[in-house]
PDB file of N, CA and C in Angstrom:
ATOM      1  N   UNK A   1      -8.256 -19.858 123.819  1.00  0.00           N
ATOM      2  CA  UNK A   1      -8.564 -20.975 124.702  1.00  0.00           C
ATOM      3  C   UNK A   1      -7.877 -20.732 126.047  1.00  0.00           C
ATOM      4  N   UNK A   2      -8.622 -20.889 127.102  1.00  0.00           N
ATOM      5  CA  UNK A   2      -8.144 -20.714 128.465  1.00  0.00           C
ATOM      6  C   UNK A   2      -7.574 -22.040 128.969  1.00  0.00           C
ATOM      7  N   UNK A   3      -6.341 -22.021 129.450  1.00  0.00           N
ATOM      8  CA  UNK A   3      -5.698 -23.254 129.941  1.00  0.00           C
ATOM      9  C   UNK A   3      -6.495 -23.918 131.050  1.00  0.00           C
ATOM     10  N   UNK A   4      -6.980 -23.130 131.987  1.00  0.00           N
ATOM     11  CA  UNK A   4      -7.712 -23.703 133.122  1.00  0.00           C
ATOM     12  C   UNK A   4      -8.982 -24.414 132.674  1.00  0.00           C
ATOM     13  N   UNK A   5      -9.661 -23.901 131.665  1.00  0.00           N
ATOM     14  CA  UNK A   5     -10.901 -24.536 131.213  1.00  0.00           C
ATOM     15  C   UNK A   5     -10.628 -25.870 130.527  1.00  0.00           C
ATOM     16  N   UNK A   6      -9.386 -26.105 130.126  1.00  0.00           N
ATOM     17  CA  UNK A   6      -9.034 -27.352 129.459  1.00  0.00           C
ATOM     18  C   UNK A   6      -8.548 -28.426 130.432  1.00  0.00           C
ATOM     19  N   UNK A   7      -8.265 -28.046 131.662  1.00  0.00           N
ATOM     20  CA  UNK A   7      -7.778 -29.013 132.656  1.00  0.00           C
ATOM     21  C   UNK A   7      -8.842 -30.065 132.946  1.00  0.00           C
ATOM     22  N   UNK A   8      -8.376 -31.292 133.197  1.00  0.00           N
ATOM     23  CA  UNK A   8      -9.275 -32.360 133.606  1.00  0.00           C
ATOM     24  C   UNK A   8     -10.018 -33.045 132.472  1.00  0.00           C
ATOM     25  N   UNK A   9      -9.692 -32.691 131.244  1.00  0.00           N
ATOM     26  CA  UNK A   9     -10.371 -33.298 130.097  1.00  0.00           C
ATOM     27  C   UNK A   9      -9.588 -34.474 129.504  1.00  0.00           C
ATOM     28  N   UNK A  10      -8.430 -34.789 130.088  1.00  0.00           N
ATOM     29  CA  UNK A  10      -7.668 -35.945 129.640  1.00  0.00           C
ATOM     30  C   UNK A  10      -6.747 -35.690 128.467  1.00  0.00           C
ATOM     31  N   UNK A  11      -6.615 -34.440 128.038  1.00  0.00           N
ATOM     32  CA  UNK A  11      -5.767 -34.152 126.877  1.00  0.00           C
ATOM     33  C   UNK A  11      -4.308 -34.507 127.138  1.00  0.00           C
ATOM     34  N   UNK A  12      -3.783 -34.132 128.308  1.00  0.00           N
ATOM     35  CA  UNK A  12      -2.397 -34.453 128.646  1.00  0.00           C
ATOM     36  C   UNK A  12      -2.159 -35.950 128.666  1.00  0.00           C
ATOM     37  N   UNK A  13      -3.059 -36.690 129.258  1.00  0.00           N
ATOM     38  CA  UNK A  13      -2.934 -38.152 129.312  1.00  0.00           C
ATOM     39  C   UNK A  13      -2.984 -38.752 127.917  1.00  0.00           C
ATOM     40  N   UNK A  14      -3.863 -38.211 127.087  1.00  0.00           N
ATOM     41  CA  UNK A  14      -3.970 -38.706 125.710  1.00  0.00           C
ATOM     42  C   UNK A  14      -2.681 -38.430 124.932  1.00  0.00           C
ATOM     43  N   UNK A  15      -2.166 -37.216 125.027  1.00  0.00           N
ATOM     44  CA  UNK A  15      -0.929 -36.880 124.318  1.00  0.00           C
ATOM     45  C   UNK A  15       0.236 -37.746 124.792  1.00  0.00           C
ATOM     46  N   UNK A  16       0.312 -37.983 126.083  1.00  0.00           N
ATOM     47  CA  UNK A  16       1.371 -38.821 126.629  1.00  0.00           C
ATOM     48  C   UNK A  16       1.248 -40.258 126.114  1.00  0.00           C
ATOM     49  N   UNK A  17       0.033 -40.780 126.049  1.00  0.00           N
ATOM     50  CA  UNK A  17      -0.187 -42.143 125.537  1.00  0.00           C
ATOM     51  C   UNK A  17       0.203 -42.239 124.067  1.00  0.00           C
ATOM     52  N   UNK A  18      -0.147 -41.244 123.283  1.00  0.00           N
ATOM     53  CA  UNK A  18       0.209 -41.246 121.862  1.00  0.00           C
ATOM     54  C   UNK A  18       1.730 -41.189 121.695  1.00  0.00           C
ATOM     55  N   UNK A  19       2.394 -40.354 122.489  1.00  0.00           N
ATOM     56  CA  UNK A  19       3.858 -40.261 122.421  1.00  0.00           C
ATOM     57  C   UNK A  19       4.505 -41.585 122.817  1.00  0.00           C
ATOM     58  N   UNK A  20       3.964 -42.233 123.845  1.00  0.00           N
ATOM     59  CA  UNK A  20       4.504 -43.519 124.284  1.00  0.00           C
ATOM     60  C   UNK A  20       4.325 -44.588 123.202  1.00  0.00           C
ATOM     61  N   UNK A  21       3.161 -44.622 122.576  1.00  0.00           N
ATOM     62  CA  UNK A  21       2.923 -45.584 121.495  1.00  0.00           C
ATOM     63  C   UNK A  21       3.900 -45.365 120.340  1.00  0.00           C
ATOM     64  N   UNK A  22       4.127 -44.113 119.995  1.00  0.00           N
ATOM     65  CA  UNK A  22       5.055 -43.807 118.903  1.00  0.00           C
ATOM     66  C   UNK A  22       6.482 -44.185 119.285  1.00  0.00           C
ATOM     67  N   UNK A  23       6.865 -43.928 120.517  1.00  0.00           N
ATOM     68  CA  UNK A  23       8.203 -44.313 120.973  1.00  0.00           C
ATOM     69  C   UNK A  23       8.380 -45.827 120.892  1.00  0.00           C
ATOM     70  N   UNK A  24       7.379 -46.575 121.320  1.00  0.00           N
ATOM     71  CA  UNK A  24       7.457 -48.034 121.232  1.00  0.00           C
ATOM     72  C   UNK A  24       7.531 -48.487 119.776  1.00  0.00           C
ATOM     73  N   UNK A  25       6.737 -47.862 118.927  1.00  0.00           N
ATOM     74  CA  UNK A  25       6.741 -48.219 117.509  1.00  0.00           C
ATOM     75  C   UNK A  25       8.126 -48.014 116.905  1.00  0.00           C
ATOM     76  N   UNK A  26       8.825 -47.019 117.376  1.00  0.00           N
ATOM     77  CA  UNK A  26      10.164 -46.717 116.863  1.00  0.00           C
ATOM     78  C   UNK A  26      11.257 -47.517 117.554  1.00  0.00           C
ATOM     79  N   UNK A  27      10.878 -48.373 118.476  1.00  0.00           N
ATOM     80  CA  UNK A  27      11.850 -49.231 119.143  1.00  0.00           C
ATOM     81  C   UNK A  27      12.538 -48.608 120.347  1.00  0.00           C
ATOM     82  N   UNK A  28      12.010 -47.521 120.858  1.00  0.00           N
ATOM     83  CA  UNK A  28      12.601 -46.895 122.041  1.00  0.00           C
ATOM     84  C   UNK A  28      12.398 -47.799 123.255  1.00  0.00           C
ATOM     85  N   UNK A  29      13.370 -47.803 124.132  1.00  0.00           N
ATOM     86  CA  UNK A  29      13.287 -48.637 125.323  1.00  0.00           C
ATOM     87  C   UNK A  29      12.833 -47.877 126.549  1.00  0.00           C
ATOM     88  N   UNK A  30      12.877 -46.528 126.476  1.00  0.00           N
ATOM     89  CA  UNK A  30      12.471 -45.712 127.618  1.00  0.00           C
ATOM     90  C   UNK A  30      12.163 -44.291 127.150  1.00  0.00           C
ATOM     91  N   UNK A  31      11.412 -43.596 127.990  1.00  0.00           N
ATOM     92  CA  UNK A  31      11.168 -42.165 127.805  1.00  0.00           C
ATOM     93  C   UNK A  31      11.707 -41.492 129.057  1.00  0.00           C
ATOM     94  N   UNK A  32      12.459 -40.420 128.886  1.00  0.00           N
ATOM     95  CA  UNK A  32      12.885 -39.661 130.063  1.00  0.00           C
ATOM     96  C   UNK A  32      12.538 -38.202 129.856  1.00  0.00           C
ATOM     97  N   UNK A  33      12.323 -37.512 130.967  1.00  0.00           N
ATOM     98  CA  UNK A  33      11.893 -36.115 130.909  1.00  0.00           C
ATOM     99  C   UNK A  33      12.333 -35.392 132.169  1.00  0.00           C
ATOM    100  N   UNK A  34      12.194 -34.080 132.130  1.00  0.00           N
ATOM    101  CA  UNK A  34      12.454 -33.235 133.294  1.00  0.00           C
ATOM    102  C   UNK A  34      11.217 -32.392 133.553  1.00  0.00           C
ATOM    103  N   UNK A  35      10.909 -32.194 134.816  1.00  0.00           N
ATOM    104  CA  UNK A  35       9.771 -31.370 135.213  1.00  0.00           C
ATOM    105  C   UNK A  35      10.132 -30.673 136.520  1.00  0.00           C
ATOM    106  N   UNK A  36       9.825 -29.402 136.627  1.00  0.00           N
ATOM    107  CA  UNK A  36      10.046 -28.704 137.887  1.00  0.00           C
ATOM    108  C   UNK A  36       8.962 -29.116 138.880  1.00  0.00           C
ATOM    109  N   UNK A  37       9.273 -29.025 140.161  1.00  0.00           N
ATOM    110  CA  UNK A  37       8.311 -29.442 141.182  1.00  0.00           C
ATOM    111  C   UNK A  37       7.038 -28.612 141.141  1.00  0.00           C
ATOM    112  N   UNK A  38       7.084 -27.402 140.617  1.00  0.00           N
ATOM    113  CA  UNK A  38       5.870 -26.582 140.521  1.00  0.00           C
ATOM    114  C   UNK A  38       5.101 -26.877 139.238  1.00  0.00           C
ATOM    115  N   UNK A  39       5.589 -27.803 138.437  1.00  0.00           N
ATOM    116  CA  UNK A  39       4.894 -28.160 137.205  1.00  0.00           C
ATOM    117  C   UNK A  39       4.139 -29.468 137.379  1.00  0.00           C
ATOM    118  N   UNK A  40       4.646 -30.574 136.810  1.00  0.00           N
ATOM    119  CA  UNK A  40       3.813 -31.772 136.712  1.00  0.00           C
ATOM    120  C   UNK A  40       4.456 -33.099 137.092  1.00  0.00           C
ATOM    121  N   UNK A  41       5.386 -33.162 138.045  1.00  0.00           N
ATOM    122  CA  UNK A  41       5.947 -34.483 138.340  1.00  0.00           C
ATOM    123  C   UNK A  41       4.903 -35.485 138.840  1.00  0.00           C
ATOM    124  N   UNK A  42       3.882 -35.023 139.544  1.00  0.00           N
ATOM    125  CA  UNK A  42       2.825 -35.923 140.007  1.00  0.00           C
ATOM    126  C   UNK A  42       2.040 -36.519 138.857  1.00  0.00           C
ATOM    127  N   UNK A  43       1.773 -35.717 137.845  1.00  0.00           N
ATOM    128  CA  UNK A  43       1.087 -36.182 136.636  1.00  0.00           C
ATOM    129  C   UNK A  43       1.884 -37.314 135.990  1.00  0.00           C
ATOM    130  N   UNK A  44       3.190 -37.108 135.821  1.00  0.00           N
ATOM    131  CA  UNK A  44       4.023 -38.134 135.182  1.00  0.00           C
ATOM    132  C   UNK A  44       4.125 -39.381 136.056  1.00  0.00           C
ATOM    133  N   UNK A  45       4.211 -39.216 137.363  1.00  0.00           N
ATOM    134  CA  UNK A  45       4.266 -40.370 138.270  1.00  0.00           C
ATOM    135  C   UNK A  45       2.991 -41.207 138.146  1.00  0.00           C
ATOM    136  N   UNK A  46       1.844 -40.553 138.002  1.00  0.00           N
ATOM    137  CA  UNK A  46       0.579 -41.282 137.828  1.00  0.00           C
ATOM    138  C   UNK A  46       0.553 -42.055 136.518  1.00  0.00           C
ATOM    139  N   UNK A  47       1.417 -41.712 135.594  1.00  0.00           N
ATOM    140  CA  UNK A  47       1.479 -42.394 134.300  1.00  0.00           C
ATOM    141  C   UNK A  47       2.687 -43.330 134.202  1.00  0.00           C
ATOM    142  N   UNK A  48       3.229 -43.717 135.347  1.00  0.00           N
ATOM    143  CA  UNK A  48       4.262 -44.747 135.374  1.00  0.00           C
ATOM    144  C   UNK A  48       5.697 -44.267 135.331  1.00  0.00           C
ATOM    145  N   UNK A  49       5.931 -42.974 135.384  1.00  0.00           N
ATOM    146  CA  UNK A  49       7.301 -42.459 135.398  1.00  0.00           C
ATOM    147  C   UNK A  49       7.849 -42.510 136.815  1.00  0.00           C
ATOM    148  N   UNK A  50       9.162 -42.751 136.914  1.00  0.00           N
ATOM    149  CA  UNK A  50       9.833 -42.796 138.209  1.00  0.00           C
ATOM    150  C   UNK A  50      10.953 -41.769 138.219  1.00  0.00           C
ATOM    151  N   UNK A  51      11.122 -41.133 139.365  1.00  0.00           N
ATOM    152  CA  UNK A  51      12.200 -40.158 139.515  1.00  0.00           C
ATOM    153  C   UNK A  51      13.537 -40.884 139.595  1.00  0.00           C
ATOM    154  N   UNK A  52      14.539 -40.387 138.832  1.00  0.00           N
ATOM    155  CA  UNK A  52      15.867 -40.980 138.939  1.00  0.00           C
ATOM    156  C   UNK A  52      16.918 -39.960 139.343  1.00  0.00           C
ATOM    157  N   UNK A  53      16.597 -38.692 139.319  1.00  0.00           N
ATOM    158  CA  UNK A  53      17.527 -37.654 139.778  1.00  0.00           C
ATOM    159  C   UNK A  53      16.726 -36.407 140.114  1.00  0.00           C
ATOM    160  N   UNK A  54      17.346 -35.548 140.911  1.00  0.00           N
ATOM    161  CA  UNK A  54      16.658 -34.339 141.361  1.00  0.00           C
ATOM    162  C   UNK A  54      17.703 -33.285 141.696  1.00  0.00           C
ATOM    163  N   UNK A  55      17.531 -32.093 141.175  1.00  0.00           N
ATOM    164  CA  UNK A  55      18.402 -30.967 141.509  1.00  0.00           C
ATOM    165  C   UNK A  55      17.629 -30.012 142.393  1.00  0.00           C
ATOM    166  N   UNK A  56      18.020 -29.946 143.644  1.00  0.00           N
ATOM    167  CA  UNK A  56      17.305 -29.108 144.613  1.00  0.00           C
ATOM    168  C   UNK A  56      17.635 -27.630 144.415  1.00  0.00           C
ATOM    169  N   UNK A  57      16.673 -26.810 144.766  1.00  0.00           N
ATOM    170  CA  UNK A  57      16.812 -25.356 144.752  1.00  0.00           C
ATOM    171  C   UNK A  57      17.180 -24.817 143.368  1.00  0.00           C
ATOM    172  N   UNK A  58      16.623 -25.451 142.361  1.00  0.00           N
ATOM    173  CA  UNK A  58      16.865 -25.037 140.977  1.00  0.00           C
ATOM    174  C   UNK A  58      15.563 -25.130 140.201  1.00  0.00           C
ATOM    175  N   UNK A  59      14.802 -24.078 140.089  1.00  0.00           N
ATOM    176  CA  UNK A  59      15.069 -22.707 140.553  1.00  0.00           C
ATOM    177  C   UNK A  59      14.860 -22.579 142.060  1.00  0.00           C
ATOM    178  N   UNK A  60      15.246 -21.453 142.585  1.00  0.00           N
ATOM    179  CA  UNK A  60      15.204 -21.216 144.032  1.00  0.00           C
ATOM    180  C   UNK A  60      13.842 -21.598 144.616  1.00  0.00           C
ATOM    181  N   UNK A  61      13.893 -22.423 145.655  1.00  0.00           N
ATOM    182  CA  UNK A  61      12.677 -22.845 146.344  1.00  0.00           C
ATOM    183  C   UNK A  61      11.975 -24.026 145.713  1.00  0.00           C
ATOM    184  N   UNK A  62      12.496 -24.532 144.616  1.00  0.00           N
ATOM    185  CA  UNK A  62      11.899 -25.658 143.902  1.00  0.00           C
ATOM    186  C   UNK A  62      12.990 -26.646 143.519  1.00  0.00           C
ATOM    187  N   UNK A  63      12.614 -27.671 142.783  1.00  0.00           N
ATOM    188  CA  UNK A  63      13.590 -28.655 142.309  1.00  0.00           C
ATOM    189  C   UNK A  63      13.299 -29.000 140.855  1.00  0.00           C
ATOM    190  N   UNK A  64      14.332 -29.397 140.158  1.00  0.00           N
ATOM    191  CA  UNK A  64      14.216 -29.912 138.796  1.00  0.00           C
ATOM    192  C   UNK A  64      14.246 -31.439 138.936  1.00  0.00           C
ATOM    193  N   UNK A  65      13.171 -32.087 138.557  1.00  0.00           N
ATOM    194  CA  UNK A  65      13.008 -33.526 138.751  1.00  0.00           C
ATOM    195  C   UNK A  65      13.181 -34.236 137.408  1.00  0.00           C
ATOM    196  N   UNK A  66      14.028 -35.244 137.375  1.00  0.00           N
ATOM    197  CA  UNK A  66      14.270 -36.030 136.166  1.00  0.00           C
ATOM    198  C   UNK A  66      13.596 -37.386 136.340  1.00  0.00           C
ATOM    199  N   UNK A  67      12.815 -37.774 135.336  1.00  0.00           N
ATOM    200  CA  UNK A  67      11.995 -38.978 135.446  1.00  0.00           C
ATOM    201  C   UNK A  67      12.191 -39.876 134.226  1.00  0.00           C
ATOM    202  N   UNK A  68      11.909 -41.170 134.426  1.00  0.00           N
ATOM    203  CA  UNK A  68      12.042 -42.153 133.352  1.00  0.00           C
ATOM    204  C   UNK A  68      10.881 -43.143 133.411  1.00  0.00           C
ATOM    205  N   UNK A  69      10.501 -43.622 132.244  1.00  0.00           N
ATOM    206  CA  UNK A  69       9.536 -44.719 132.147  1.00  0.00           C
ATOM    207  C   UNK A  69      10.104 -45.714 131.153  1.00  0.00           C
ATOM    208  N   UNK A  70      10.326 -46.921 131.606  1.00  0.00           N
ATOM    209  CA  UNK A  70      10.825 -47.970 130.715  1.00  0.00           C
ATOM    210  C   UNK A  70       9.663 -48.518 129.915  1.00  0.00           C
ATOM    211  N   UNK A  71       9.887 -48.758 128.646  1.00  0.00           N
ATOM    212  CA  UNK A  71       8.832 -49.228 127.745  1.00  0.00           C
ATOM    213  C   UNK A  71       8.983 -50.711 127.467  1.00  0.00           C
ATOM    214  N   UNK A  72       7.870 -51.374 127.315  1.00  0.00           N
ATOM    215  CA  UNK A  72       7.880 -52.790 126.953  1.00  0.00           C
ATOM    216  C   UNK A  72       8.263 -52.884 125.477  1.00  0.00           C
ATOM    217  N   UNK A  73       9.141 -53.813 125.152  1.00  0.00           N
ATOM    218  CA  UNK A  73       9.508 -53.971 123.746  1.00  0.00           C
ATOM    219  C   UNK A  73       8.320 -54.419 122.893  1.00  0.00           C
ATOM    220  N   UNK A  74       8.277 -53.937 121.681  1.00  0.00           N
ATOM    221  CA  UNK A  74       7.236 -54.354 120.743  1.00  0.00           C
ATOM    222  C   UNK A  74       7.697 -55.659 120.108  1.00  0.00           C
ATOM    223  N   UNK A  75       6.854 -56.697 120.119  1.00  0.00           N
ATOM    224  CA  UNK A  75       7.267 -57.985 119.528  1.00  0.00           C
ATOM    225  C   UNK A  75       7.601 -57.828 118.041  1.00  0.00           C
ATOM    226  N   UNK A  76       8.622 -58.548 117.607  1.00  0.00           N
ATOM    227  CA  UNK A  76       8.996 -58.533 116.183  1.00  0.00           C
ATOM    228  C   UNK A  76       7.919 -59.220 115.364  1.00  0.00           C
ATOM    229  N   UNK A  77       7.752 -58.746 114.158  1.00  0.00           N
ATOM    230  CA  UNK A  77       6.728 -59.335 113.272  1.00  0.00           C
ATOM    231  C   UNK A  77       7.308 -60.428 112.430  1.00  0.00           C
TER     232      UNK A  77
END
């Protein structure tokens, strides 16, 4: 399978939604992650993640971006 041919089909968004649902089911209050600037910080920002820290020039010429998304609590049954 070619990575480029799979782009734009919503798989990343679907996987992220499933992970978020599972995190909420387990009572998690937030999801945090790291992404290099040459990877996918824009993708995560479009899905509600916010940058909370950034290490510049790591790796050289890029940055390591740390992001968080706070989750809504699941109502008790």
